[in-house]
Amino acid sequence: MTKAVSYKELGLSNTREMFERAMKNQYAVPAYNFNNLEQLQAIIYGCIESKSPVIVQVSKGARSYANSTLLRYMAMGAAEMAREMGSNIPICLHLDHGDSFELCKSCIDNGFSSVMIDGSHLPYDENVALTKQVVEYAHARDVSVEGELGVLAGIEDEVSSAVSHYTHPEQVEDFVKKTGVDSLAISIGTSHGAYKFKVKPGESVPPLRFDILEECEKRIPGFPIVLHGSSSVLPKYVDMINQYGGKMESAVGVPEEQLRKAARSAVCKINIDTDGRMVVTAIVRKVFTENPSEFDPRKYLGPARDELKKMIMDKNRNVLGSADRY
């Protein structure tokens, strides 16, 4: 048995103070997914330079890929690196789409400062029961918990659904009261993956259901709300991937102006995964096309990391409003 480790020993923060400040100042904390060293470097460097709080999050698959023990020390190293650079930004290590109590418990025991338990695919009462079980374990260790009501369409790691099911606002107050969660992910039209919407040439992406968001705000005033599946699938990188031998036809995401609007509301956390993947893929493809004899990983992962950092800083400053907050 491995001894349980508190996130506080790793120099990490939970999300409570982050969300309080975000609500007060009308911005959203970025939650960037990562799978490897270069992605984590880009996220931390980008948030240090833009003076933004950050949630670095991993899915069940990413945790398995990186190895849970190594992941713990990567997070601790990120926090220590930030301090050595003179930064006071809070860094949270978060489990994205945890699907069981056992997985959430394992992450908490390994130093995660926040976990998401996604019971949205379950019947309502089962979702409540599972979420409450995770909350009781987490809160005893001062770890924050995110729950979910409503189902997002799309595919991302182990999370998959053919259709979306919008959150029913009439359920949110009861869910929050019964479970004790610290934040709530809702479904208002965002979607997982790079193909979020089916639009024909010349058509606009359907707007997010801000009416549902506003109704949820009314029913749980001042409560932190989370948006998943919020990558914009930036055309610049779609074009670059296709230019250098990729095939991403009809890839489209959530318009950034809609995310700006959401970030000024009760939405305190916005998840971004696909955009980061696409930046890395675009730059790696470019390097290999222009330098087909290249075999040094530093020569293609390094430029990918640098471009990802630029994207993160732009998101913080111009989309989420989280820059210059620390």
C-alpha atoms as a PDB file:
ATOM      1  CA  MET A   1       0.000   0.000   0.000  1.00  0.00           C
ATOM      2  CA  THR A   2       1.273   3.433  -0.947  1.00  0.00           C
ATOM      3  CA  LYS A   3       1.019   6.051   1.781  1.00  0.00           C
ATOM      4  CA  ALA A   4      -1.630   8.684   1.047  1.00  0.00           C
ATOM      5  CA  VAL A   5      -0.251  12.108   0.152  1.00  0.00           C
ATOM      6  CA  SER A   6      -2.048  15.409   0.680  1.00  0.00           C
ATOM      7  CA  TYR A   7      -2.032  17.902  -2.155  1.00  0.00           C
ATOM      8  CA  LYS A   8      -0.821  20.481   0.357  1.00  0.00           C
ATOM      9  CA  GLU A   9       2.449  18.559   0.665  1.00  0.00           C
ATOM     10  CA  LEU A  10       2.860  19.009  -3.101  1.00  0.00           C
ATOM     11  CA  GLY A  11       2.307  22.778  -2.984  1.00  0.00           C
ATOM     12  CA  LEU A  12      -1.043  22.620  -4.770  1.00  0.00           C
ATOM     13  CA  SER A  13      -4.342  24.454  -4.161  1.00  0.00           C
ATOM     14  CA  ASN A  14      -7.953  23.337  -4.251  1.00  0.00           C
ATOM     15  CA  THR A  15     -10.482  25.337  -6.269  1.00  0.00           C
ATOM     16  CA  ARG A  16     -12.508  27.094  -3.574  1.00  0.00           C
ATOM     17  CA  GLU A  17     -10.543  30.336  -3.281  1.00  0.00           C
ATOM     18  CA  MET A  18      -9.928  30.311  -7.051  1.00  0.00           C
ATOM     19  CA  PHE A  19     -13.647  30.220  -7.761  1.00  0.00           C
ATOM     20  CA  GLU A  20     -14.507  32.843  -5.150  1.00  0.00           C
ATOM     21  CA  ARG A  21     -12.160  35.303  -6.834  1.00  0.00           C
ATOM     22  CA  ALA A  22     -13.380  34.355 -10.291  1.00  0.00           C
ATOM     23  CA  MET A  23     -17.021  34.911  -9.321  1.00  0.00           C
ATOM     24  CA  LYS A  24     -16.239  38.264  -7.724  1.00  0.00           C
ATOM     25  CA  ASN A  25     -14.246  39.524 -10.708  1.00  0.00           C
ATOM     26  CA  GLN A  26     -16.239  37.887 -13.536  1.00  0.00           C
ATOM     27  CA  TYR A  27     -13.676  35.656 -15.194  1.00  0.00           C
ATOM     28  CA  ALA A  28     -13.218  31.909 -15.606  1.00  0.00           C
ATOM     29  CA  VAL A  29     -10.297  29.859 -14.330  1.00  0.00           C
ATOM     30  CA  PRO A  30      -8.699  27.900 -17.194  1.00  0.00           C
ATOM     31  CA  ALA A  31      -8.685  24.126 -16.884  1.00  0.00           C
ATOM     32  CA  TYR A  32      -6.171  22.712 -19.345  1.00  0.00           C
ATOM     33  CA  ASN A  33      -5.761  18.973 -19.902  1.00  0.00           C
ATOM     34  CA  PHE A  34      -2.306  17.478 -20.255  1.00  0.00           C
ATOM     35  CA  ASN A  35      -0.793  14.080 -20.975  1.00  0.00           C
ATOM     36  CA  ASN A  36       2.960  14.669 -21.024  1.00  0.00           C
ATOM     37  CA  LEU A  37       5.821  16.888 -19.864  1.00  0.00           C
ATOM     38  CA  GLU A  38       5.735  19.347 -22.756  1.00  0.00           C
ATOM     39  CA  GLN A  39       2.024  20.054 -22.370  1.00  0.00           C
ATOM     40  CA  LEU A  40       2.437  20.613 -18.632  1.00  0.00           C
ATOM     41  CA  GLN A  41       5.416  22.913 -19.212  1.00  0.00           C
ATOM     42  CA  ALA A  42       3.443  24.978 -21.714  1.00  0.00           C
ATOM     43  CA  ILE A  43       0.472  25.301 -19.365  1.00  0.00           C
ATOM     44  CA  ILE A  44       2.531  26.350 -16.350  1.00  0.00           C
ATOM     45  CA  TYR A  45       4.851  28.695 -18.267  1.00  0.00           C
ATOM     46  CA  GLY A  46       1.876  30.272 -20.049  1.00  0.00           C
ATOM     47  CA  CYS A  47      -0.038  30.839 -16.821  1.00  0.00           C
ATOM     48  CA  ILE A  48       3.006  32.155 -14.960  1.00  0.00           C
ATOM     49  CA  GLU A  49       3.708  34.680 -17.717  1.00  0.00           C
ATOM     50  CA  SER A  50       0.075  35.754 -17.980  1.00  0.00           C
ATOM     51  CA  LYS A  51      -0.340  35.725 -14.168  1.00  0.00           C
ATOM     52  CA  SER A  52      -3.350  33.437 -14.303  1.00  0.00           C
ATOM     53  CA  PRO A  53      -4.582  30.828 -11.815  1.00  0.00           C
ATOM     54  CA  VAL A  54      -4.692  27.423 -13.423  1.00  0.00           C
ATOM     55  CA  ILE A  55      -6.280  24.013 -13.097  1.00  0.00           C
ATOM     56  CA  VAL A  56      -4.166  21.295 -14.702  1.00  0.00           C
ATOM     57  CA  GLN A  57      -6.359  18.329 -15.269  1.00  0.00           C
ATOM     58  CA  VAL A  58      -5.993  14.740 -16.360  1.00  0.00           C
ATOM     59  CA  SER A  59      -8.511  12.192 -17.500  1.00  0.00           C
ATOM     60  CA  LYS A  60      -8.555   8.575 -16.388  1.00  0.00           C
ATOM     61  CA  GLY A  61      -6.741   7.669 -19.601  1.00  0.00           C
ATOM     62  CA  ALA A  62      -4.129  10.395 -19.188  1.00  0.00           C
ATOM     63  CA  ARG A  63      -3.426   9.271 -15.633  1.00  0.00           C
ATOM     64  CA  SER A  64      -2.850   5.739 -16.832  1.00  0.00           C
ATOM     65  CA  TYR A  65      -0.659   6.989 -19.685  1.00  0.00           C
ATOM     66  CA  ALA A  66       1.529   9.181 -17.466  1.00  0.00           C
ATOM     67  CA  ASN A  67       1.644   6.796 -14.449  1.00  0.00           C
ATOM     68  CA  SER A  68       0.022   7.959 -11.228  1.00  0.00           C
ATOM     69  CA  THR A  69       3.268   8.152  -9.217  1.00  0.00           C
ATOM     70  CA  LEU A  70       5.151  10.061 -11.888  1.00  0.00           C
ATOM     71  CA  LEU A  71       2.148  12.362 -12.329  1.00  0.00           C
ATOM     72  CA  ARG A  72       2.225  13.286  -8.643  1.00  0.00           C
ATOM     73  CA  TYR A  73       5.843  14.404  -8.864  1.00  0.00           C
ATOM     74  CA  MET A  74       5.248  16.244 -12.143  1.00  0.00           C
ATOM     75  CA  ALA A  75       2.543  18.298 -10.405  1.00  0.00           C
ATOM     76  CA  MET A  76       4.783  18.918  -7.400  1.00  0.00           C
ATOM     77  CA  GLY A  77       7.579  19.970  -9.742  1.00  0.00           C
ATOM     78  CA  ALA A  78       5.255  22.369 -11.550  1.00  0.00           C
ATOM     79  CA  ALA A  79       4.282  24.049  -8.277  1.00  0.00           C
ATOM     80  CA  GLU A  80       7.912  24.265  -7.128  1.00  0.00           C
ATOM     81  CA  MET A  81       9.006  25.647 -10.504  1.00  0.00           C
ATOM     82  CA  ALA A  82       6.386  28.390 -10.284  1.00  0.00           C
ATOM     83  CA  ARG A  83       7.615  29.416  -6.832  1.00  0.00           C
ATOM     84  CA  GLU A  84      11.240  29.440  -7.984  1.00  0.00           C
ATOM     85  CA  MET A  85      10.207  31.763 -10.812  1.00  0.00           C
ATOM     86  CA  GLY A  86       8.717  34.151  -8.242  1.00  0.00           C
ATOM     87  CA  SER A  87       5.106  33.379  -9.159  1.00  0.00           C
ATOM     88  CA  ASN A  88       2.251  33.097  -6.664  1.00  0.00           C
ATOM     89  CA  ILE A  89      -0.351  31.667  -9.059  1.00  0.00           C
ATOM     90  CA  PRO A  90      -2.417  28.890  -7.481  1.00  0.00           C
ATOM     91  CA  ILE A  91      -2.124  25.526  -9.240  1.00  0.00           C
ATOM     92  CA  CYS A  92      -4.795  22.861  -8.864  1.00  0.00           C
ATOM     93  CA  LEU A  93      -4.397  19.231  -9.967  1.00  0.00           C
ATOM     94  CA  HIS A  94      -7.820  17.978 -11.038  1.00  0.00           C
ATOM     95  CA  LEU A  95      -9.290  14.664 -12.152  1.00  0.00           C
ATOM     96  CA  ASP A  96     -11.416  15.198 -15.253  1.00  0.00           C
ATOM     97  CA  HIS A  97     -14.466  12.930 -15.668  1.00  0.00           C
ATOM     98  CA  GLY A  98     -13.826  10.498 -12.862  1.00  0.00           C
ATOM     99  CA  ASP A  99     -16.216   7.579 -13.382  1.00  0.00           C
ATOM    100  CA  SER A 100     -16.099   5.799 -10.016  1.00  0.00           C
ATOM    101  CA  PHE A 101     -15.623   6.362  -6.310  1.00  0.00           C
ATOM    102  CA  GLU A 102     -12.530   4.152  -6.394  1.00  0.00           C
ATOM    103  CA  LEU A 103     -10.839   6.285  -9.069  1.00  0.00           C
ATOM    104  CA  CYS A 104     -11.633   9.516  -7.225  1.00  0.00           C
ATOM    105  CA  LYS A 105     -10.349   8.067  -3.945  1.00  0.00           C
ATOM    106  CA  SER A 106      -7.128   6.925  -5.594  1.00  0.00           C
ATOM    107  CA  CYS A 107      -6.533  10.375  -7.071  1.00  0.00           C
ATOM    108  CA  ILE A 108      -7.228  12.102  -3.745  1.00  0.00           C
ATOM    109  CA  ASP A 109      -4.836   9.726  -1.973  1.00  0.00           C
ATOM    110  CA  ASN A 110      -2.190  10.517  -4.601  1.00  0.00           C
ATOM    111  CA  GLY A 111      -2.247  14.275  -4.145  1.00  0.00           C
ATOM    112  CA  PHE A 112      -5.027  15.583  -6.368  1.00  0.00           C
ATOM    113  CA  SER A 113      -6.520  18.767  -4.948  1.00  0.00           C
ATOM    114  CA  SER A 114      -9.797  18.488  -6.866  1.00  0.00           C
ATOM    115  CA  VAL A 115     -11.763  15.676  -8.480  1.00  0.00           C
ATOM    116  CA  MET A 116     -14.727  15.464 -10.787  1.00  0.00           C
ATOM    117  CA  ILE A 117     -17.177  12.627 -10.326  1.00  0.00           C
ATOM    118  CA  ASP A 118     -19.242  12.290 -13.475  1.00  0.00           C
ATOM    119  CA  GLY A 119     -22.439  10.428 -12.730  1.00  0.00           C
ATOM    120  CA  SER A 120     -24.376  12.282 -15.422  1.00  0.00           C
ATOM    121  CA  HIS A 121     -24.980   9.070 -17.369  1.00  0.00           C
ATOM    122  CA  LEU A 122     -26.692   7.479 -14.359  1.00  0.00           C
ATOM    123  CA  PRO A 123     -30.294   7.852 -13.231  1.00  0.00           C
ATOM    124  CA  TYR A 124     -30.646  11.021 -11.168  1.00  0.00           C
ATOM    125  CA  ASP A 125     -30.837   9.352  -7.741  1.00  0.00           C
ATOM    126  CA  GLU A 126     -27.776   7.209  -8.503  1.00  0.00           C
ATOM    127  CA  ASN A 127     -25.851  10.280  -9.645  1.00  0.00           C
ATOM    128  CA  VAL A 128     -26.731  11.988  -6.354  1.00  0.00           C
ATOM    129  CA  ALA A 129     -25.669   8.980  -4.282  1.00  0.00           C
ATOM    130  CA  LEU A 130     -22.343   8.493  -6.074  1.00  0.00           C
ATOM    131  CA  THR A 131     -21.510  12.194  -6.004  1.00  0.00           C
ATOM    132  CA  LYS A 132     -22.333  12.449  -2.301  1.00  0.00           C
ATOM    133  CA  GLN A 133     -20.066   9.473  -1.548  1.00  0.00           C
ATOM    134  CA  VAL A 134     -17.135  11.157  -3.301  1.00  0.00           C
ATOM    135  CA  VAL A 135     -17.860  14.500  -1.609  1.00  0.00           C
ATOM    136  CA  GLU A 136     -17.811  12.959   1.864  1.00  0.00           C
ATOM    137  CA  TYR A 137     -14.420  11.341   1.271  1.00  0.00           C
ATOM    138  CA  ALA A 138     -12.949  14.413  -0.447  1.00  0.00           C
ATOM    139  CA  HIS A 139     -14.159  17.046   2.005  1.00  0.00           C
ATOM    140  CA  ALA A 140     -12.669  15.136   4.926  1.00  0.00           C
ATOM    141  CA  ARG A 141      -9.329  15.824   3.197  1.00  0.00           C
ATOM    142  CA  ASP A 142     -10.130  19.392   2.086  1.00  0.00           C
ATOM    143  CA  VAL A 143     -10.303  18.351  -1.570  1.00  0.00           C
ATOM    144  CA  SER A 144     -12.883  20.082  -3.769  1.00  0.00           C
ATOM    145  CA  VAL A 145     -15.400  18.160  -5.882  1.00  0.00           C
ATOM    146  CA  GLU A 146     -17.097  18.888  -9.203  1.00  0.00           C
ATOM    147  CA  GLY A 147     -20.309  17.111 -10.162  1.00  0.00           C
ATOM    148  CA  GLU A 148     -22.253  17.061 -13.416  1.00  0.00           C
ATOM    149  CA  LEU A 149     -25.871  17.291 -14.545  1.00  0.00           C
ATOM    150  CA  GLY A 150     -26.634  16.861 -18.219  1.00  0.00           C
ATOM    151  CA  VAL A 151     -24.641  14.964 -20.857  1.00  0.00           C
ATOM    152  CA  LEU A 152     -22.325  16.421 -23.504  1.00  0.00           C
ATOM    153  CA  ALA A 153     -22.165  14.859 -26.953  1.00  0.00           C
ATOM    154  CA  GLY A 154     -18.855  13.967 -28.596  1.00  0.00           C
ATOM    155  CA  ILE A 155     -15.844  11.789 -27.873  1.00  0.00           C
ATOM    156  CA  GLU A 156     -12.830  12.567 -25.702  1.00  0.00           C
ATOM    157  CA  ASP A 157     -10.724   9.826 -24.091  1.00  0.00           C
ATOM    158  CA  GLU A 158     -13.167   7.454 -22.329  1.00  0.00           C
ATOM    159  CA  VAL A 159     -16.022   9.985 -22.404  1.00  0.00           C
ATOM    160  CA  SER A 160     -18.414   9.345 -25.264  1.00  0.00           C
ATOM    161  CA  SER A 161     -22.021  10.171 -26.080  1.00  0.00           C
ATOM    162  CA  ALA A 162     -23.806  10.272 -29.429  1.00  0.00           C
ATOM    163  CA  VAL A 163     -26.221  12.979 -28.321  1.00  0.00           C
ATOM    164  CA  SER A 164     -26.315  15.738 -25.747  1.00  0.00           C
ATOM    165  CA  HIS A 165     -28.873  16.086 -22.986  1.00  0.00           C
ATOM    166  CA  TYR A 166     -29.249  19.618 -21.716  1.00  0.00           C
ATOM    167  CA  THR A 167     -29.157  20.202 -17.990  1.00  0.00           C
ATOM    168  CA  HIS A 168     -32.598  20.569 -16.402  1.00  0.00           C
ATOM    169  CA  PRO A 169     -32.383  23.754 -14.293  1.00  0.00           C
ATOM    170  CA  GLU A 170     -35.106  22.508 -11.969  1.00  0.00           C
ATOM    171  CA  GLN A 171     -32.708  19.772 -10.750  1.00  0.00           C
ATOM    172  CA  VAL A 172     -29.646  21.851  -9.925  1.00  0.00           C
ATOM    173  CA  GLU A 173     -30.712  23.226  -6.551  1.00  0.00           C
ATOM    174  CA  ASP A 174     -31.731  19.801  -5.264  1.00  0.00           C
ATOM    175  CA  PHE A 175     -28.528  18.208  -6.615  1.00  0.00           C
ATOM    176  CA  VAL A 176     -26.219  20.771  -5.014  1.00  0.00           C
ATOM    177  CA  LYS A 177     -28.065  20.599  -1.692  1.00  0.00           C
ATOM    178  CA  LYS A 178     -28.097  16.785  -1.511  1.00  0.00           C
ATOM    179  CA  THR A 179     -24.511  16.179  -2.674  1.00  0.00           C
ATOM    180  CA  GLY A 180     -22.556  19.090  -1.193  1.00  0.00           C
ATOM    181  CA  VAL A 181     -20.469  19.540  -4.353  1.00  0.00           C
ATOM    182  CA  ASP A 182     -18.240  22.607  -4.715  1.00  0.00           C
ATOM    183  CA  SER A 183     -18.972  23.207  -8.413  1.00  0.00           C
ATOM    184  CA  LEU A 184     -21.340  21.902 -11.051  1.00  0.00           C
ATOM    185  CA  ALA A 185     -20.725  21.105 -14.718  1.00  0.00           C
ATOM    186  CA  ILE A 186     -23.789  21.751 -16.853  1.00  0.00           C
ATOM    187  CA  SER A 187     -24.708  21.043 -20.456  1.00  0.00           C
ATOM    188  CA  ILE A 188     -25.706  24.107 -22.502  1.00  0.00           C
ATOM    189  CA  GLY A 189     -24.547  23.057 -25.960  1.00  0.00           C
ATOM    190  CA  THR A 190     -20.784  22.584 -25.713  1.00  0.00           C
ATOM    191  CA  SER A 191     -19.412  19.241 -26.877  1.00  0.00           C
ATOM    192  CA  HIS A 192     -16.343  17.044 -26.510  1.00  0.00           C
ATOM    193  CA  GLY A 193     -13.780  16.573 -29.261  1.00  0.00           C
ATOM    194  CA  ALA A 194     -12.856  18.404 -32.481  1.00  0.00           C
ATOM    195  CA  TYR A 195     -16.171  17.924 -34.282  1.00  0.00           C
ATOM    196  CA  LYS A 196     -18.525  19.684 -31.911  1.00  0.00           C
ATOM    197  CA  PHE A 197     -21.192  20.792 -34.369  1.00  0.00           C
ATOM    198  CA  LYS A 198     -22.457  19.609 -37.742  1.00  0.00           C
ATOM    199  CA  VAL A 199     -22.622  22.742 -39.851  1.00  0.00           C
ATOM    200  CA  LYS A 200     -22.793  23.104 -43.616  1.00  0.00           C
ATOM    201  CA  PRO A 201     -20.605  25.604 -45.511  1.00  0.00           C
ATOM    202  CA  GLY A 202     -21.801  29.111 -44.767  1.00  0.00           C
ATOM    203  CA  GLU A 203     -23.793  28.083 -41.699  1.00  0.00           C
ATOM    204  CA  SER A 204     -23.073  29.491 -38.255  1.00  0.00           C
ATOM    205  CA  VAL A 205     -22.352  27.382 -35.205  1.00  0.00           C
ATOM    206  CA  PRO A 206     -25.511  27.130 -33.063  1.00  0.00           C
ATOM    207  CA  PRO A 207     -25.346  29.457 -30.048  1.00  0.00           C
ATOM    208  CA  LEU A 208     -24.942  28.114 -26.555  1.00  0.00           C
ATOM    209  CA  ARG A 209     -28.106  27.848 -24.466  1.00  0.00           C
ATOM    210  CA  PHE A 210     -27.508  30.870 -22.277  1.00  0.00           C
ATOM    211  CA  ASP A 211     -31.148  30.678 -21.202  1.00  0.00           C
ATOM    212  CA  ILE A 212     -30.353  27.412 -19.399  1.00  0.00           C
ATOM    213  CA  LEU A 213     -27.236  28.945 -17.849  1.00  0.00           C
ATOM    214  CA  GLU A 214     -29.195  31.974 -16.642  1.00  0.00           C
ATOM    215  CA  GLU A 215     -31.921  29.809 -15.139  1.00  0.00           C
ATOM    216  CA  CYS A 216     -29.314  27.713 -13.316  1.00  0.00           C
ATOM    217  CA  GLU A 217     -27.749  30.922 -11.965  1.00  0.00           C
ATOM    218  CA  LYS A 218     -31.120  32.006 -10.609  1.00  0.00           C
ATOM    219  CA  ARG A 219     -31.680  28.708  -8.845  1.00  0.00           C
ATOM    220  CA  ILE A 220     -28.170  28.431  -7.314  1.00  0.00           C
ATOM    221  CA  PRO A 221     -27.020  32.067  -7.062  1.00  0.00           C
ATOM    222  CA  GLY A 222     -23.318  32.542  -6.437  1.00  0.00           C
ATOM    223  CA  PHE A 223     -22.552  28.872  -7.048  1.00  0.00           C
ATOM    224  CA  PRO A 224     -19.600  27.960  -9.323  1.00  0.00           C
ATOM    225  CA  ILE A 225     -20.625  26.543 -12.700  1.00  0.00           C
ATOM    226  CA  VAL A 226     -18.315  24.651 -15.079  1.00  0.00           C
ATOM    227  CA  LEU A 227     -18.318  24.306 -18.871  1.00  0.00           C
ATOM    228  CA  HIS A 228     -16.808  21.184 -20.419  1.00  0.00           C
ATOM    229  CA  GLY A 229     -16.047  20.681 -24.103  1.00  0.00           C
ATOM    230  CA  SER A 230     -15.143  24.333 -24.592  1.00  0.00           C
ATOM    231  CA  SER A 231     -12.326  24.230 -27.118  1.00  0.00           C
ATOM    232  CA  SER A 232     -12.804  26.568 -30.064  1.00  0.00           C
ATOM    233  CA  VAL A 233     -11.037  24.205 -32.513  1.00  0.00           C
ATOM    234  CA  LEU A 234      -9.038  27.162 -33.764  1.00  0.00           C
ATOM    235  CA  PRO A 235      -9.139  27.385 -37.590  1.00  0.00           C
ATOM    236  CA  LYS A 236      -5.463  28.358 -37.731  1.00  0.00           C
ATOM    237  CA  TYR A 237      -4.423  24.962 -36.417  1.00  0.00           C
ATOM    238  CA  VAL A 238      -7.065  23.017 -38.342  1.00  0.00           C
ATOM    239  CA  ASP A 239      -5.667  24.572 -41.532  1.00  0.00           C
ATOM    240  CA  MET A 240      -2.088  23.836 -40.476  1.00  0.00           C
ATOM    241  CA  ILE A 241      -2.858  20.185 -39.749  1.00  0.00           C
ATOM    242  CA  ASN A 242      -4.525  19.802 -43.142  1.00  0.00           C
ATOM    243  CA  GLN A 243      -1.739  21.701 -44.911  1.00  0.00           C
ATOM    244  CA  TYR A 244       0.893  19.349 -43.541  1.00  0.00           C
ATOM    245  CA  GLY A 245      -0.751  16.054 -44.395  1.00  0.00           C
ATOM    246  CA  GLY A 246      -3.530  15.752 -41.826  1.00  0.00           C
ATOM    247  CA  LYS A 247      -7.210  15.239 -42.452  1.00  0.00           C
ATOM    248  CA  MET A 248      -9.544  17.186 -40.205  1.00  0.00           C
ATOM    249  CA  GLU A 249     -12.481  18.115 -42.381  1.00  0.00           C
ATOM    250  CA  SER A 250     -15.445  19.935 -40.844  1.00  0.00           C
ATOM    251  CA  ALA A 251     -13.710  20.341 -37.476  1.00  0.00           C
ATOM    252  CA  VAL A 252     -15.452  23.171 -35.639  1.00  0.00           C
ATOM    253  CA  GLY A 253     -15.694  24.324 -32.026  1.00  0.00           C
ATOM    254  CA  VAL A 254     -17.276  26.832 -29.659  1.00  0.00           C
ATOM    255  CA  PRO A 255     -16.815  30.458 -30.837  1.00  0.00           C
ATOM    256  CA  GLU A 256     -14.543  32.385 -28.506  1.00  0.00           C
ATOM    257  CA  GLU A 257     -16.978  35.285 -28.164  1.00  0.00           C
ATOM    258  CA  GLN A 258     -19.528  32.897 -26.624  1.00  0.00           C
ATOM    259  CA  LEU A 259     -16.923  31.696 -24.128  1.00  0.00           C
ATOM    260  CA  ARG A 260     -16.128  35.329 -23.235  1.00  0.00           C
ATOM    261  CA  LYS A 261     -19.799  35.854 -22.456  1.00  0.00           C
ATOM    262  CA  ALA A 262     -19.952  32.701 -20.333  1.00  0.00           C
ATOM    263  CA  ALA A 263     -16.806  33.714 -18.422  1.00  0.00           C
ATOM    264  CA  ARG A 264     -18.511  36.911 -17.285  1.00  0.00           C
ATOM    265  CA  SER A 265     -21.348  34.928 -15.711  1.00  0.00           C
ATOM    266  CA  ALA A 266     -21.367  32.285 -12.963  1.00  0.00           C
ATOM    267  CA  VAL A 267     -19.098  30.085 -15.111  1.00  0.00           C
ATOM    268  CA  CYS A 268     -15.926  29.905 -12.999  1.00  0.00           C
ATOM    269  CA  LYS A 269     -14.120  27.093 -14.834  1.00  0.00           C
ATOM    270  CA  ILE A 270     -13.813  26.436 -18.562  1.00  0.00           C
ATOM    271  CA  ASN A 271     -12.260  23.175 -19.791  1.00  0.00           C
ATOM    272  CA  ILE A 272      -9.940  23.195 -22.793  1.00  0.00           C
ATOM    273  CA  ASP A 273      -8.398  19.974 -24.112  1.00  0.00           C
ATOM    274  CA  THR A 274      -8.855  19.599 -27.869  1.00  0.00           C
ATOM    275  CA  ASP A 275      -7.294  22.976 -28.695  1.00  0.00           C
ATOM    276  CA  GLY A 276      -4.112  21.938 -26.900  1.00  0.00           C
ATOM    277  CA  ARG A 277      -3.966  18.640 -28.755  1.00  0.00           C
ATOM    278  CA  MET A 278      -4.432  20.356 -32.086  1.00  0.00           C
ATOM    279  CA  VAL A 279      -1.670  22.913 -31.493  1.00  0.00           C
ATOM    280  CA  VAL A 280       0.822  20.157 -30.675  1.00  0.00           C
ATOM    281  CA  THR A 281      -0.262  18.046 -33.657  1.00  0.00           C
ATOM    282  CA  ALA A 282      -0.088  20.988 -36.065  1.00  0.00           C
ATOM    283  CA  ILE A 283       3.456  21.973 -35.079  1.00  0.00           C
ATOM    284  CA  VAL A 284       4.781  18.404 -35.038  1.00  0.00           C
ATOM    285  CA  ARG A 285       3.348  17.828 -38.520  1.00  0.00           C
ATOM    286  CA  LYS A 286       4.906  21.066 -39.738  1.00  0.00           C
ATOM    287  CA  VAL A 287       8.344  20.168 -38.414  1.00  0.00           C
ATOM    288  CA  PHE A 288       8.274  16.677 -39.890  1.00  0.00           C
ATOM    289  CA  THR A 289       7.094  17.952 -43.277  1.00  0.00           C
ATOM    290  CA  GLU A 290       9.729  20.674 -43.462  1.00  0.00           C
ATOM    291  CA  ASN A 291      12.494  18.550 -41.901  1.00  0.00           C
ATOM    292  CA  PRO A 292      11.745  14.904 -42.746  1.00  0.00           C
ATOM    293  CA  SER A 293      15.131  13.750 -41.456  1.00  0.00           C
ATOM    294  CA  GLU A 294      14.516  15.137 -37.954  1.00  0.00           C
ATOM    295  CA  PHE A 295      14.544  12.526 -35.197  1.00  0.00           C
ATOM    296  CA  ASP A 296      15.356  14.511 -32.050  1.00  0.00           C
ATOM    297  CA  PRO A 297      12.124  14.795 -29.995  1.00  0.00           C
ATOM    298  CA  ARG A 298      13.305  18.116 -28.582  1.00  0.00           C
ATOM    299  CA  LYS A 299      13.320  19.590 -32.079  1.00  0.00           C
ATOM    300  CA  TYR A 300       9.603  18.909 -32.648  1.00  0.00           C
ATOM    301  CA  LEU A 301       8.155  18.754 -29.154  1.00  0.00           C
ATOM    302  CA  GLY A 302       9.997  21.926 -28.143  1.00  0.00           C
ATOM    303  CA  PRO A 303       8.394  24.089 -30.881  1.00  0.00           C
ATOM    304  CA  ALA A 304       5.030  22.445 -30.128  1.00  0.00           C
ATOM    305  CA  ARG A 305       5.401  23.359 -26.450  1.00  0.00           C
ATOM    306  CA  ASP A 306       6.286  26.968 -27.325  1.00  0.00           C
ATOM    307  CA  GLU A 307       3.271  27.353 -29.613  1.00  0.00           C
ATOM    308  CA  LEU A 308       0.975  25.824 -27.008  1.00  0.00           C
ATOM    309  CA  LYS A 309       2.230  28.336 -24.450  1.00  0.00           C
ATOM    310  CA  LYS A 310       1.321  31.174 -26.830  1.00  0.00           C
ATOM    311  CA  MET A 311      -2.182  29.771 -27.273  1.00  0.00           C
ATOM    312  CA  ILE A 312      -2.659  29.429 -23.518  1.00  0.00           C
ATOM    313  CA  MET A 313      -1.600  33.008 -22.873  1.00  0.00           C
ATOM    314  CA  ASP A 314      -4.003  34.229 -25.551  1.00  0.00           C
ATOM    315  CA  LYS A 315      -6.873  32.210 -24.052  1.00  0.00           C
ATOM    316  CA  ASN A 316      -6.168  33.601 -20.589  1.00  0.00           C
ATOM    317  CA  ARG A 317      -5.978  37.203 -21.777  1.00  0.00           C
ATOM    318  CA  ASN A 318      -8.610  37.380 -24.495  1.00  0.00           C
ATOM    319  CA  VAL A 319     -11.152  34.632 -23.819  1.00  0.00           C
ATOM    320  CA  LEU A 320     -11.303  33.650 -20.152  1.00  0.00           C
ATOM    321  CA  GLY A 321     -10.261  36.960 -18.592  1.00  0.00           C
ATOM    322  CA  SER A 322      -8.035  35.162 -16.079  1.00  0.00           C
ATOM    323  CA  ALA A 323      -4.781  36.967 -16.918  1.00  0.00           C
ATOM    324  CA  ASP A 324      -3.226  39.450 -14.495  1.00  0.00           C
ATOM    325  CA  ARG A 325      -5.255  38.167 -11.544  1.00  0.00           C
ATOM    326  CA  TYR A 326      -2.225  37.149  -9.425  1.00  0.00           C
END
